[in-house]
Amino acid sequence: MSRTLSLSECVGQTAIEGGTAEVFAQIDAVYHADRHEVEVTRSAYLSPNDLEHIAEHLTPAWLPEGGVVKAGCDSAEASDAARDIFHAWARHVRESIPNH
């Protein structure tokens, strides 16, 4: 088992109590050579723009639930498969932003 890819992207902004926050989509992908499978753990969170709380990650109920996605592939395709899953996830998170 080896780490294949870790990606995160700010996909938008939203209003929160006391200001605004950036909306992030994130994945961590691991390739399992014994199963010829990439396992991608998806998550989403808000990062407040307020400097006092910038390191906090908020997860309001409207954000989509992450979870794990698995795709069969060989090691040469693992990064591309993980990126494809990430781009679909980022689009889904972006579309979930209220008033977006």
Foldseek 3Di string as FASTA:
>chain_A
DAWDDKDKDFLAKAADVPGIWTKMKIWTWDQDQVQQKIKIWIDIWTADPPPVGRPDTHDDPLADHTGIDMDHHHPVCRNVVRVVVRVVNSVSRNVSHPPD
